PDB file of all heavy atoms in Angstrom:
ATOM      1  N   GLY A   1      -8.644  -2.113  -8.914  1.00  0.00           N
ATOM      2  CA  GLY A   1      -9.066  -3.503  -9.064  1.00  0.00           C
ATOM      3  C   GLY A   1     -10.406  -3.572  -9.764  1.00  0.00           C
ATOM      4  O   GLY A   1     -10.966  -2.551 -10.180  1.00  0.00           O
ATOM      5  N   ILE A   2     -10.929  -4.789  -9.891  1.00  0.00           N
ATOM      6  CA  ILE A   2     -12.209  -5.020 -10.547  1.00  0.00           C
ATOM      7  C   ILE A   2     -13.186  -5.599  -9.532  1.00  0.00           C
ATOM      8  O   ILE A   2     -12.836  -6.511  -8.772  1.00  0.00           O
ATOM      9  CB  ILE A   2     -12.041  -5.995 -11.738  1.00  0.00           C
ATOM     10  CG1 ILE A   2     -11.079  -5.403 -12.766  1.00  0.00           C
ATOM     11  CG2 ILE A   2     -13.388  -6.314 -12.383  1.00  0.00           C
ATOM     12  CD1 ILE A   2     -11.544  -4.117 -13.412  1.00  0.00           C
ATOM     13  N   ALA A   3     -14.395  -5.087  -9.503  1.00  0.00           N
ATOM     14  CA  ALA A   3     -15.404  -5.529  -8.538  1.00  0.00           C
ATOM     15  C   ALA A   3     -16.102  -6.799  -9.009  1.00  0.00           C
ATOM     16  O   ALA A   3     -16.164  -7.093 -10.210  1.00  0.00           O
ATOM     17  CB  ALA A   3     -16.435  -4.420  -8.326  1.00  0.00           C
ATOM     18  N   ASN A   4     -16.638  -7.545  -8.046  1.00  0.00           N
ATOM     19  CA  ASN A   4     -17.417  -8.737  -8.384  1.00  0.00           C
ATOM     20  C   ASN A   4     -18.862  -8.398  -8.730  1.00  0.00           C
ATOM     21  O   ASN A   4     -19.528  -9.155  -9.436  1.00  0.00           O
ATOM     22  CB  ASN A   4     -17.400  -9.722  -7.207  1.00  0.00           C
ATOM     23  CG  ASN A   4     -16.022 -10.297  -6.958  1.00  0.00           C
ATOM     24  OD1 ASN A   4     -15.330 -10.690  -7.888  1.00  0.00           O
ATOM     25  ND2 ASN A   4     -15.618 -10.349  -5.695  1.00  0.00           N
ATOM     26  N   SER A   5     -19.325  -7.241  -8.231  1.00  0.00           N
ATOM     27  CA  SER A   5     -20.719  -6.858  -8.437  1.00  0.00           C
ATOM     28  C   SER A   5     -20.851  -5.347  -8.312  1.00  0.00           C
ATOM     29  O   SER A   5     -19.949  -4.674  -7.800  1.00  0.00           O
ATOM     30  CB  SER A   5     -21.623  -7.554  -7.407  1.00  0.00           C
ATOM     31  OG  SER A   5     -21.226  -7.221  -6.095  1.00  0.00           O
ATOM     32  N   PRO A   6     -21.967  -4.778  -8.773  1.00  0.00           N
ATOM     33  CA  PRO A   6     -22.167  -3.328  -8.655  1.00  0.00           C
ATOM     34  C   PRO A   6     -22.259  -2.903  -7.188  1.00  0.00           C
ATOM     35  O   PRO A   6     -22.478  -3.739  -6.298  1.00  0.00           O
ATOM     36  CB  PRO A   6     -23.498  -3.103  -9.381  1.00  0.00           C
ATOM     37  CG  PRO A   6     -23.728  -4.321 -10.199  1.00  0.00           C
ATOM     38  CD  PRO A   6     -23.076  -5.444  -9.465  1.00  0.00           C
ATOM     39  N   PRO A   7     -22.100  -1.601  -6.905  1.00  0.00           N
ATOM     40  CA  PRO A   7     -22.205  -1.112  -5.530  1.00  0.00           C
ATOM     41  C   PRO A   7     -23.578  -1.439  -4.935  1.00  0.00           C
ATOM     42  O   PRO A   7     -24.595  -1.385  -5.639  1.00  0.00           O
ATOM     43  CB  PRO A   7     -22.016   0.401  -5.662  1.00  0.00           C
ATOM     44  CG  PRO A   7     -21.391   0.608  -6.997  1.00  0.00           C
ATOM     45  CD  PRO A   7     -21.844  -0.514  -7.860  1.00  0.00           C
ATOM     46  N   ASP A   8     -23.582  -1.786  -3.665  1.00  0.00           N
ATOM     47  CA  ASP A   8     -24.873  -2.050  -3.027  1.00  0.00           C
ATOM     48  C   ASP A   8     -25.558  -0.729  -2.657  1.00  0.00           C
ATOM     49  O   ASP A   8     -25.010   0.352  -2.847  1.00  0.00           O
ATOM     50  CB  ASP A   8     -24.723  -2.966  -1.815  1.00  0.00           C
ATOM     51  CG  ASP A   8     -23.821  -2.399  -0.731  1.00  0.00           C
ATOM     52  OD1 ASP A   8     -23.743  -1.160  -0.608  1.00  0.00           O
ATOM     53  OD2 ASP A   8     -23.197  -3.196  -0.006  1.00  0.00           O
ATOM     54  N   ARG A   9     -26.738  -0.830  -2.085  1.00  0.00           N
ATOM     55  CA  ARG A   9     -27.594   0.336  -1.881  1.00  0.00           C
ATOM     56  C   ARG A   9     -26.914   1.430  -1.066  1.00  0.00           C
ATOM     57  O   ARG A   9     -27.003   2.617  -1.403  1.00  0.00           O
ATOM     58  CB  ARG A   9     -28.891  -0.109  -1.178  1.00  0.00           C
ATOM     59  CG  ARG A   9     -29.923   0.999  -1.014  1.00  0.00           C
ATOM     60  CD  ARG A   9     -31.222   0.430  -0.435  1.00  0.00           C
ATOM     61  NE  ARG A   9     -32.245   1.476  -0.356  1.00  0.00           N
ATOM     62  CZ  ARG A   9     -32.373   2.313   0.671  1.00  0.00           C
ATOM     63  NH1 ARG A   9     -31.541   2.232   1.698  1.00  0.00           N
ATOM     64  NH2 ARG A   9     -33.334   3.226   0.653  1.00  0.00           N
ATOM     65  N   ASP A  10     -26.215   1.070  -0.026  1.00  0.00           N
ATOM     66  CA  ASP A  10     -25.640   2.061   0.887  1.00  0.00           C
ATOM     67  C   ASP A  10     -24.136   2.249   0.703  1.00  0.00           C
ATOM     68  O   ASP A  10     -23.457   2.757   1.600  1.00  0.00           O
ATOM     69  CB  ASP A  10     -25.941   1.646   2.340  1.00  0.00           C
ATOM     70  CG  ASP A  10     -27.429   1.651   2.652  1.00  0.00           C
ATOM     71  OD1 ASP A  10     -28.106   2.610   2.233  1.00  0.00           O
ATOM     72  OD2 ASP A  10     -27.910   0.691   3.272  1.00  0.00           O
ATOM     73  N   PHE A  11     -23.631   1.863  -0.451  1.00  0.00           N
ATOM     74  CA  PHE A  11     -22.187   1.988  -0.713  1.00  0.00           C
ATOM     75  C   PHE A  11     -21.742   3.444  -0.604  1.00  0.00           C
ATOM     76  O   PHE A  11     -22.409   4.361  -1.096  1.00  0.00           O
ATOM     77  CB  PHE A  11     -21.867   1.456  -2.113  1.00  0.00           C
ATOM     78  CG  PHE A  11     -20.435   1.674  -2.539  1.00  0.00           C
ATOM     79  CD1 PHE A  11     -19.428   0.822  -2.111  1.00  0.00           C
ATOM     80  CD2 PHE A  11     -20.092   2.750  -3.359  1.00  0.00           C
ATOM     81  CE1 PHE A  11     -18.109   1.031  -2.501  1.00  0.00           C
ATOM     82  CE2 PHE A  11     -18.780   2.967  -3.750  1.00  0.00           C
ATOM     83  CZ  PHE A  11     -17.779   2.098  -3.313  1.00  0.00           C
ATOM     84  N   VAL A  12     -20.597   3.655   0.053  1.00  0.00           N
ATOM     85  CA  VAL A  12     -20.005   4.984   0.177  1.00  0.00           C
ATOM     86  C   VAL A  12     -18.561   4.906  -0.315  1.00  0.00           C
ATOM     87  O   VAL A  12     -17.808   4.005   0.062  1.00  0.00           O
ATOM     88  CB  VAL A  12     -20.028   5.484   1.638  1.00  0.00           C
ATOM     89  CG1 VAL A  12     -19.322   6.826   1.747  1.00  0.00           C
ATOM     90  CG2 VAL A  12     -21.459   5.586   2.141  1.00  0.00           C
ATOM     91  N   GLY A  13     -18.184   5.844  -1.176  1.00  0.00           N
ATOM     92  CA  GLY A  13     -16.822   5.840  -1.690  1.00  0.00           C
ATOM     93  C   GLY A  13     -16.785   5.848  -3.205  1.00  0.00           C
ATOM     94  O   GLY A  13     -17.763   6.236  -3.861  1.00  0.00           O
ATOM     95  N   THR A  14     -15.663   5.429  -3.754  1.00  0.00           N
ATOM     96  CA  THR A  14     -15.463   5.412  -5.206  1.00  0.00           C
ATOM     97  C   THR A  14     -15.617   3.987  -5.715  1.00  0.00           C
ATOM     98  O   THR A  14     -14.849   3.102  -5.318  1.00  0.00           O
ATOM     99  CB  THR A  14     -14.057   5.940  -5.561  1.00  0.00           C
ATOM    100  OG1 THR A  14     -13.882   7.234  -4.969  1.00  0.00           O
ATOM    101  CG2 THR A  14     -13.899   6.059  -7.071  1.00  0.00           C
ATOM    102  N   PRO A  15     -16.579   3.715  -6.581  1.00  0.00           N
ATOM    103  CA  PRO A  15     -16.833   2.337  -7.010  1.00  0.00           C
ATOM    104  C   PRO A  15     -15.784   1.822  -7.995  1.00  0.00           C
ATOM    105  O   PRO A  15     -15.136   2.592  -8.702  1.00  0.00           O
ATOM    106  CB  PRO A  15     -18.204   2.446  -7.687  1.00  0.00           C
ATOM    107  CG  PRO A  15     -18.234   3.843  -8.217  1.00  0.00           C
ATOM    108  CD  PRO A  15     -17.509   4.678  -7.196  1.00  0.00           C
ATOM    109  N   ARG A  16     -15.644   0.533  -8.017  1.00  0.00           N
ATOM    110  CA  ARG A  16     -14.841  -0.135  -9.023  1.00  0.00           C
ATOM    111  C   ARG A  16     -15.764  -0.669 -10.116  1.00  0.00           C
ATOM    112  O   ARG A  16     -16.955  -0.875  -9.892  1.00  0.00           O
ATOM    113  CB  ARG A  16     -14.040  -1.289  -8.408  1.00  0.00           C
ATOM    114  CG  ARG A  16     -13.056  -0.829  -7.328  1.00  0.00           C
ATOM    115  CD  ARG A  16     -12.262  -2.002  -6.769  1.00  0.00           C
ATOM    116  NE  ARG A  16     -11.365  -1.564  -5.705  1.00  0.00           N
ATOM    117  CZ  ARG A  16     -10.436  -2.342  -5.148  1.00  0.00           C
ATOM    118  NH1 ARG A  16     -10.302  -3.605  -5.554  1.00  0.00           N
ATOM    119  NH2 ARG A  16      -9.655  -1.874  -4.186  1.00  0.00           N
ATOM    120  N   LEU A  17     -15.208  -0.903 -11.278  1.00  0.00           N
ATOM    121  CA  LEU A  17     -15.976  -1.472 -12.382  1.00  0.00           C
ATOM    122  C   LEU A  17     -16.002  -2.992 -12.270  1.00  0.00           C
ATOM    123  O   LEU A  17     -15.079  -3.605 -11.748  1.00  0.00           O
ATOM    124  CB  LEU A  17     -15.358  -1.079 -13.727  1.00  0.00           C
ATOM    125  CG  LEU A  17     -15.174   0.412 -14.013  1.00  0.00           C
ATOM    126  CD1 LEU A  17     -14.553   0.597 -15.397  1.00  0.00           C
ATOM    127  CD2 LEU A  17     -16.501   1.158 -13.927  1.00  0.00           C
ATOM    128  N   THR A  18     -17.051  -3.600 -12.795  1.00  0.00           N
ATOM    129  CA  THR A  18     -17.104  -5.056 -12.927  1.00  0.00           C
ATOM    130  C   THR A  18     -16.586  -5.436 -14.317  1.00  0.00           C
ATOM    131  O   THR A  18     -16.437  -4.579 -15.195  1.00  0.00           O
ATOM    132  CB  THR A  18     -18.539  -5.574 -12.778  1.00  0.00           C
ATOM    133  OG1 THR A  18     -19.341  -5.031 -13.853  1.00  0.00           O
ATOM    134  CG2 THR A  18     -19.144  -5.149 -11.440  1.00  0.00           C
ATOM    135  N   VAL A  19     -16.323  -6.709 -14.521  1.00  0.00           N
ATOM    136  CA  VAL A  19     -15.896  -7.184 -15.837  1.00  0.00           C
ATOM    137  C   VAL A  19     -16.943  -6.823 -16.889  1.00  0.00           C
ATOM    138  O   VAL A  19     -16.613  -6.390 -18.001  1.00  0.00           O
ATOM    139  CB  VAL A  19     -15.663  -8.717 -15.819  1.00  0.00           C
ATOM    140  CG1 VAL A  19     -15.473  -9.247 -17.240  1.00  0.00           C
ATOM    141  CG2 VAL A  19     -14.454  -9.053 -14.955  1.00  0.00           C
ATOM    142  N   GLU A  20     -18.224  -6.960 -16.520  1.00  0.00           N
ATOM    143  CA  GLU A  20     -19.308  -6.657 -17.460  1.00  0.00           C
ATOM    144  C   GLU A  20     -19.323  -5.181 -17.850  1.00  0.00           C
ATOM    145  O   GLU A  20     -19.608  -4.825 -19.003  1.00  0.00           O
ATOM    146  CB  GLU A  20     -20.655  -7.065 -16.865  1.00  0.00           C
ATOM    147  CG  GLU A  20     -20.852  -8.557 -16.682  1.00  0.00           C
ATOM    148  CD  GLU A  20     -20.103  -9.120 -15.472  1.00  0.00           C
ATOM    149  OE1 GLU A  20     -19.673  -8.330 -14.591  1.00  0.00           O
ATOM    150  OE2 GLU A  20     -19.959 -10.363 -15.398  1.00  0.00           O
ATOM    151  N   MET A  21     -19.014  -4.312 -16.894  1.00  0.00           N
ATOM    152  CA  MET A  21     -18.954  -2.874 -17.195  1.00  0.00           C
ATOM    153  C   MET A  21     -17.802  -2.565 -18.147  1.00  0.00           C
ATOM    154  O   MET A  21     -17.963  -1.799 -19.105  1.00  0.00           O
ATOM    155  CB  MET A  21     -18.786  -2.079 -15.896  1.00  0.00           C
ATOM    156  CG  MET A  21     -19.993  -2.097 -14.975  1.00  0.00           C
ATOM    157  SD  MET A  21     -19.632  -1.211 -13.425  1.00  0.00           S
ATOM    158  CE  MET A  21     -21.089  -1.588 -12.466  1.00  0.00           C
ATOM    159  N   VAL A  22     -16.643  -3.139 -17.879  1.00  0.00           N
ATOM    160  CA  VAL A  22     -15.489  -2.913 -18.751  1.00  0.00           C
ATOM    161  C   VAL A  22     -15.783  -3.427 -20.159  1.00  0.00           C
ATOM    162  O   VAL A  22     -15.426  -2.796 -21.157  1.00  0.00           O
ATOM    163  CB  VAL A  22     -14.226  -3.583 -18.172  1.00  0.00           C
ATOM    164  CG1 VAL A  22     -13.031  -3.341 -19.092  1.00  0.00           C
ATOM    165  CG2 VAL A  22     -13.910  -3.049 -16.791  1.00  0.00           C
ATOM    166  N   ALA A  23     -16.454  -4.575 -20.248  1.00  0.00           N
ATOM    167  CA  ALA A  23     -16.798  -5.135 -21.555  1.00  0.00           C
ATOM    168  C   ALA A  23     -17.696  -4.181 -22.340  1.00  0.00           C
ATOM    169  O   ALA A  23     -17.528  -4.003 -23.548  1.00  0.00           O
ATOM    170  CB  ALA A  23     -17.478  -6.491 -21.375  1.00  0.00           C
ATOM    171  N   ARG A  24     -18.637  -3.557 -21.658  1.00  0.00           N
ATOM    172  CA  ARG A  24     -19.511  -2.604 -22.353  1.00  0.00           C
ATOM    173  C   ARG A  24     -18.713  -1.393 -22.834  1.00  0.00           C
ATOM    174  O   ARG A  24     -18.952  -0.873 -23.931  1.00  0.00           O
ATOM    175  CB  ARG A  24     -20.663  -2.161 -21.446  1.00  0.00           C
ATOM    176  CG  ARG A  24     -21.688  -1.333 -22.201  1.00  0.00           C
ATOM    177  CD  ARG A  24     -22.772  -0.779 -21.300  1.00  0.00           C
ATOM    178  NE  ARG A  24     -23.789  -1.766 -20.955  1.00  0.00           N
ATOM    179  CZ  ARG A  24     -24.880  -1.489 -20.247  1.00  0.00           C
ATOM    180  NH1 ARG A  24     -25.080  -0.254 -19.787  1.00  0.00           N
ATOM    181  NH2 ARG A  24     -25.766  -2.433 -19.968  1.00  0.00           N
ATOM    182  N   LEU A  25     -17.759  -0.941 -22.020  1.00  0.00           N
ATOM    183  CA  LEU A  25     -16.907   0.177 -22.434  1.00  0.00           C
ATOM    184  C   LEU A  25     -16.022  -0.195 -23.621  1.00  0.00           C
ATOM    185  O   LEU A  25     -15.589   0.680 -24.365  1.00  0.00           O
ATOM    186  CB  LEU A  25     -16.031   0.636 -21.264  1.00  0.00           C
ATOM    187  CG  LEU A  25     -16.736   1.314 -20.094  1.00  0.00           C
ATOM    188  CD1 LEU A  25     -15.750   1.613 -18.973  1.00  0.00           C
ATOM    189  CD2 LEU A  25     -17.438   2.609 -20.534  1.00  0.00           C
ATOM    190  N   GLN A  26     -15.762  -1.474 -23.812  1.00  0.00           N
ATOM    191  CA  GLN A  26     -14.986  -1.946 -24.961  1.00  0.00           C
ATOM    192  C   GLN A  26     -15.856  -2.117 -26.201  1.00  0.00           C
ATOM    193  O   GLN A  26     -15.334  -2.383 -27.290  1.00  0.00           O
ATOM    194  CB  GLN A  26     -14.315  -3.287 -24.645  1.00  0.00           C
ATOM    195  CG  GLN A  26     -13.032  -3.176 -23.842  1.00  0.00           C
ATOM    196  CD  GLN A  26     -11.835  -2.788 -24.688  1.00  0.00           C
ATOM    197  OE1 GLN A  26     -11.903  -1.846 -25.490  1.00  0.00           O
ATOM    198  NE2 GLN A  26     -10.734  -3.484 -24.534  1.00  0.00           N
ATOM    199  N   GLY A  27     -17.151  -2.003 -26.049  1.00  0.00           N
ATOM    200  CA  GLY A  27     -18.039  -2.145 -27.198  1.00  0.00           C
ATOM    201  C   GLY A  27     -18.599  -3.541 -27.390  1.00  0.00           C
ATOM    202  O   GLY A  27     -19.219  -3.830 -28.414  1.00  0.00           O
ATOM    203  N   PHE A  28     -18.412  -4.416 -26.398  1.00  0.00           N
ATOM    204  CA  PHE A  28     -19.012  -5.752 -26.474  1.00  0.00           C
ATOM    205  C   PHE A  28     -20.500  -5.674 -26.181  1.00  0.00           C
ATOM    206  O   PHE A  28     -20.936  -4.877 -25.339  1.00  0.00           O
ATOM    207  CB  PHE A  28     -18.364  -6.688 -25.449  1.00  0.00           C
ATOM    208  CG  PHE A  28     -17.052  -7.283 -25.860  1.00  0.00           C
ATOM    209  CD1 PHE A  28     -15.858  -6.705 -25.461  1.00  0.00           C
ATOM    210  CD2 PHE A  28     -17.005  -8.430 -26.636  1.00  0.00           C
ATOM    211  CE1 PHE A  28     -14.640  -7.249 -25.825  1.00  0.00           C
ATOM    212  CE2 PHE A  28     -15.796  -8.992 -27.008  1.00  0.00           C
ATOM    213  CZ  PHE A  28     -14.610  -8.402 -26.612  1.00  0.00           C
ATOM    214  N   PRO A  29     -21.296  -6.517 -26.817  1.00  0.00           N
ATOM    215  CA  PRO A  29     -22.716  -6.592 -26.439  1.00  0.00           C
ATOM    216  C   PRO A  29     -22.846  -7.216 -25.056  1.00  0.00           C
ATOM    217  O   PRO A  29     -22.017  -8.016 -24.632  1.00  0.00           O
ATOM    218  CB  PRO A  29     -23.316  -7.501 -27.528  1.00  0.00           C
ATOM    219  CG  PRO A  29     -22.168  -8.310 -28.046  1.00  0.00           C
ATOM    220  CD  PRO A  29     -20.959  -7.427 -27.940  1.00  0.00           C
ATOM    221  N   ASP A  30     -23.900  -6.856 -24.347  1.00  0.00           N
ATOM    222  CA  ASP A  30     -24.070  -7.320 -22.965  1.00  0.00           C
ATOM    223  C   ASP A  30     -24.233  -8.839 -22.870  1.00  0.00           C
ATOM    224  O   ASP A  30     -23.970  -9.426 -21.817  1.00  0.00           O
ATOM    225  CB  ASP A  30     -25.288  -6.646 -22.322  1.00  0.00           C
ATOM    226  CG  ASP A  30     -25.025  -5.175 -22.009  1.00  0.00           C
ATOM    227  OD1 ASP A  30     -23.860  -4.734 -22.082  1.00  0.00           O
ATOM    228  OD2 ASP A  30     -26.000  -4.456 -21.693  1.00  0.00           O
ATOM    229  N   ASP A  31     -24.682  -9.487 -23.939  1.00  0.00           N
ATOM    230  CA  ASP A  31     -24.908 -10.934 -23.863  1.00  0.00           C
ATOM    231  C   ASP A  31     -23.659 -11.755 -24.179  1.00  0.00           C
ATOM    232  O   ASP A  31     -23.711 -12.983 -24.212  1.00  0.00           O
ATOM    233  CB  ASP A  31     -26.064 -11.358 -24.776  1.00  0.00           C
ATOM    234  CG  ASP A  31     -25.811 -11.041 -26.247  1.00  0.00           C
ATOM    235  OD1 ASP A  31     -24.748 -10.461 -26.575  1.00  0.00           O
ATOM    236  OD2 ASP A  31     -26.681 -11.367 -27.087  1.00  0.00           O
ATOM    237  N   TRP A  32     -22.526 -11.093 -24.422  1.00  0.00           N
ATOM    238  CA  TRP A  32     -21.283 -11.812 -24.688  1.00  0.00           C
ATOM    239  C   TRP A  32     -20.651 -12.190 -23.349  1.00  0.00           C
ATOM    240  O   TRP A  32     -20.323 -11.329 -22.544  1.00  0.00           O
ATOM    241  CB  TRP A  32     -20.331 -10.940 -25.506  1.00  0.00           C
ATOM    242  CG  TRP A  32     -19.142 -11.689 -26.079  1.00  0.00           C
ATOM    243  CD1 TRP A  32     -17.890 -11.731 -25.575  1.00  0.00           C
ATOM    244  CD2 TRP A  32     -19.133 -12.477 -27.267  1.00  0.00           C
ATOM    245  NE1 TRP A  32     -17.076 -12.504 -26.378  1.00  0.00           N
ATOM    246  CE2 TRP A  32     -17.811 -12.972 -27.419  1.00  0.00           C
ATOM    247  CE3 TRP A  32     -20.097 -12.815 -28.213  1.00  0.00           C
ATOM    248  CZ2 TRP A  32     -17.436 -13.795 -28.492  1.00  0.00           C
ATOM    249  CZ3 TRP A  32     -19.732 -13.630 -29.274  1.00  0.00           C
ATOM    250  CH2 TRP A  32     -18.426 -14.110 -29.412  1.00  0.00           C
ATOM    251  N   LYS A  33     -20.486 -13.464 -23.117  1.00  0.00           N
ATOM    252  CA  LYS A  33     -19.998 -13.959 -21.831  1.00  0.00           C
ATOM    253  C   LYS A  33     -18.510 -14.319 -21.918  1.00  0.00           C
ATOM    254  O   LYS A  33     -18.050 -14.824 -22.941  1.00  0.00           O
ATOM    255  CB  LYS A  33     -20.801 -15.187 -21.387  1.00  0.00           C
ATOM    256  CG  LYS A  33     -22.307 -14.961 -21.334  1.00  0.00           C
ATOM    257  CD  LYS A  33     -22.668 -13.784 -20.434  1.00  0.00           C
ATOM    258  CE  LYS A  33     -24.175 -13.536 -20.417  1.00  0.00           C
ATOM    259  NZ  LYS A  33     -24.518 -12.310 -19.667  1.00  0.00           N
ATOM    260  N   PHE A  34     -17.795 -14.095 -20.831  1.00  0.00           N
ATOM    261  CA  PHE A  34     -16.360 -14.362 -20.782  1.00  0.00           C
ATOM    262  C   PHE A  34     -16.071 -15.520 -19.840  1.00  0.00           C
ATOM    263  O   PHE A  34     -16.519 -15.527 -18.691  1.00  0.00           O
ATOM    264  CB  PHE A  34     -15.595 -13.107 -20.354  1.00  0.00           C
ATOM    265  CG  PHE A  34     -15.736 -11.984 -21.338  1.00  0.00           C
ATOM    266  CD1 PHE A  34     -16.796 -11.084 -21.232  1.00  0.00           C
ATOM    267  CD2 PHE A  34     -14.850 -11.843 -22.391  1.00  0.00           C
ATOM    268  CE1 PHE A  34     -16.958 -10.066 -22.153  1.00  0.00           C
ATOM    269  CE2 PHE A  34     -15.000 -10.826 -23.312  1.00  0.00           C
ATOM    270  CZ  PHE A  34     -16.058  -9.941 -23.193  1.00  0.00           C
ATOM    271  N   ALA A  35     -15.313 -16.498 -20.321  1.00  0.00           N
ATOM    272  CA  ALA A  35     -14.998 -17.690 -19.543  1.00  0.00           C
ATOM    273  C   ALA A  35     -13.921 -17.389 -18.504  1.00  0.00           C
ATOM    274  O   ALA A  35     -13.088 -16.500 -18.680  1.00  0.00           O
ATOM    275  CB  ALA A  35     -14.539 -18.808 -20.476  1.00  0.00           C
ATOM    276  N   GLY A  36     -13.929 -18.159 -17.448  1.00  0.00           N
ATOM    277  CA  GLY A  36     -12.894 -18.029 -16.427  1.00  0.00           C
ATOM    278  C   GLY A  36     -13.304 -17.113 -15.298  1.00  0.00           C
ATOM    279  O   GLY A  36     -14.341 -16.450 -15.337  1.00  0.00           O
ATOM    280  N   ARG A  37     -12.454 -17.071 -14.287  1.00  0.00           N
ATOM    281  CA  ARG A  37     -12.709 -16.222 -13.134  1.00  0.00           C
ATOM    282  C   ARG A  37     -12.382 -14.771 -13.479  1.00  0.00           C
ATOM    283  O   ARG A  37     -12.029 -14.451 -14.605  1.00  0.00           O
ATOM    284  CB  ARG A  37     -11.906 -16.734 -11.949  1.00  0.00           C
ATOM    285  CG  ARG A  37     -12.245 -18.174 -11.605  1.00  0.00           C
ATOM    286  CD  ARG A  37     -11.582 -18.644 -10.342  1.00  0.00           C
ATOM    287  NE  ARG A  37     -12.089 -17.926  -9.174  1.00  0.00           N
ATOM    288  CZ  ARG A  37     -11.982 -18.381  -7.932  1.00  0.00           C
ATOM    289  NH1 ARG A  37     -11.429 -19.552  -7.700  1.00  0.00           N
ATOM    290  NH2 ARG A  37     -12.430 -17.665  -6.920  1.00  0.00           N
ATOM    291  N   LYS A  38     -12.478 -13.908 -12.482  1.00  0.00           N
ATOM    292  CA  LYS A  38     -12.409 -12.465 -12.724  1.00  0.00           C
ATOM    293  C   LYS A  38     -11.123 -12.026 -13.426  1.00  0.00           C
ATOM    294  O   LYS A  38     -11.179 -11.259 -14.399  1.00  0.00           O
ATOM    295  CB  LYS A  38     -12.568 -11.730 -11.396  1.00  0.00           C
ATOM    296  CG  LYS A  38     -12.612 -10.213 -11.529  1.00  0.00           C
ATOM    297  CD  LYS A  38     -13.035  -9.571 -10.226  1.00  0.00           C
ATOM    298  CE  LYS A  38     -12.051  -9.814  -9.101  1.00  0.00           C
ATOM    299  NZ  LYS A  38     -12.441  -9.099  -7.866  1.00  0.00           N
ATOM    300  N   THR A  39      -9.979 -12.502 -12.979  1.00  0.00           N
ATOM    301  CA  THR A  39      -8.719 -12.033 -13.554  1.00  0.00           C
ATOM    302  C   THR A  39      -8.562 -12.426 -15.022  1.00  0.00           C
ATOM    303  O   THR A  39      -8.320 -11.561 -15.871  1.00  0.00           O
ATOM    304  CB  THR A  39      -7.518 -12.521 -12.720  1.00  0.00           C
ATOM    305  OG1 THR A  39      -7.600 -11.929 -11.422  1.00  0.00           O
ATOM    306  CG2 THR A  39      -6.204 -12.126 -13.368  1.00  0.00           C
ATOM    307  N   PRO A  40      -8.706 -13.715 -15.400  1.00  0.00           N
ATOM    308  CA  PRO A  40      -8.590 -14.048 -16.826  1.00  0.00           C
ATOM    309  C   PRO A  40      -9.695 -13.429 -17.671  1.00  0.00           C
ATOM    310  O   PRO A  40      -9.469 -13.067 -18.831  1.00  0.00           O
ATOM    311  CB  PRO A  40      -8.641 -15.578 -16.858  1.00  0.00           C
ATOM    312  CG  PRO A  40      -9.245 -15.980 -15.559  1.00  0.00           C
ATOM    313  CD  PRO A  40      -8.846 -14.930 -14.576  1.00  0.00           C
TER     314      PRO A  40
END
């Protein structure tokens, strides 16, 4: 799944990516915003 936010300070386990992280992996600039909720 996709996370709503980065792991908090005491997170234990395997983290999920946020939409913003996936966008950076796609080569989008960080200031490019995506409309809609998490799934769209």
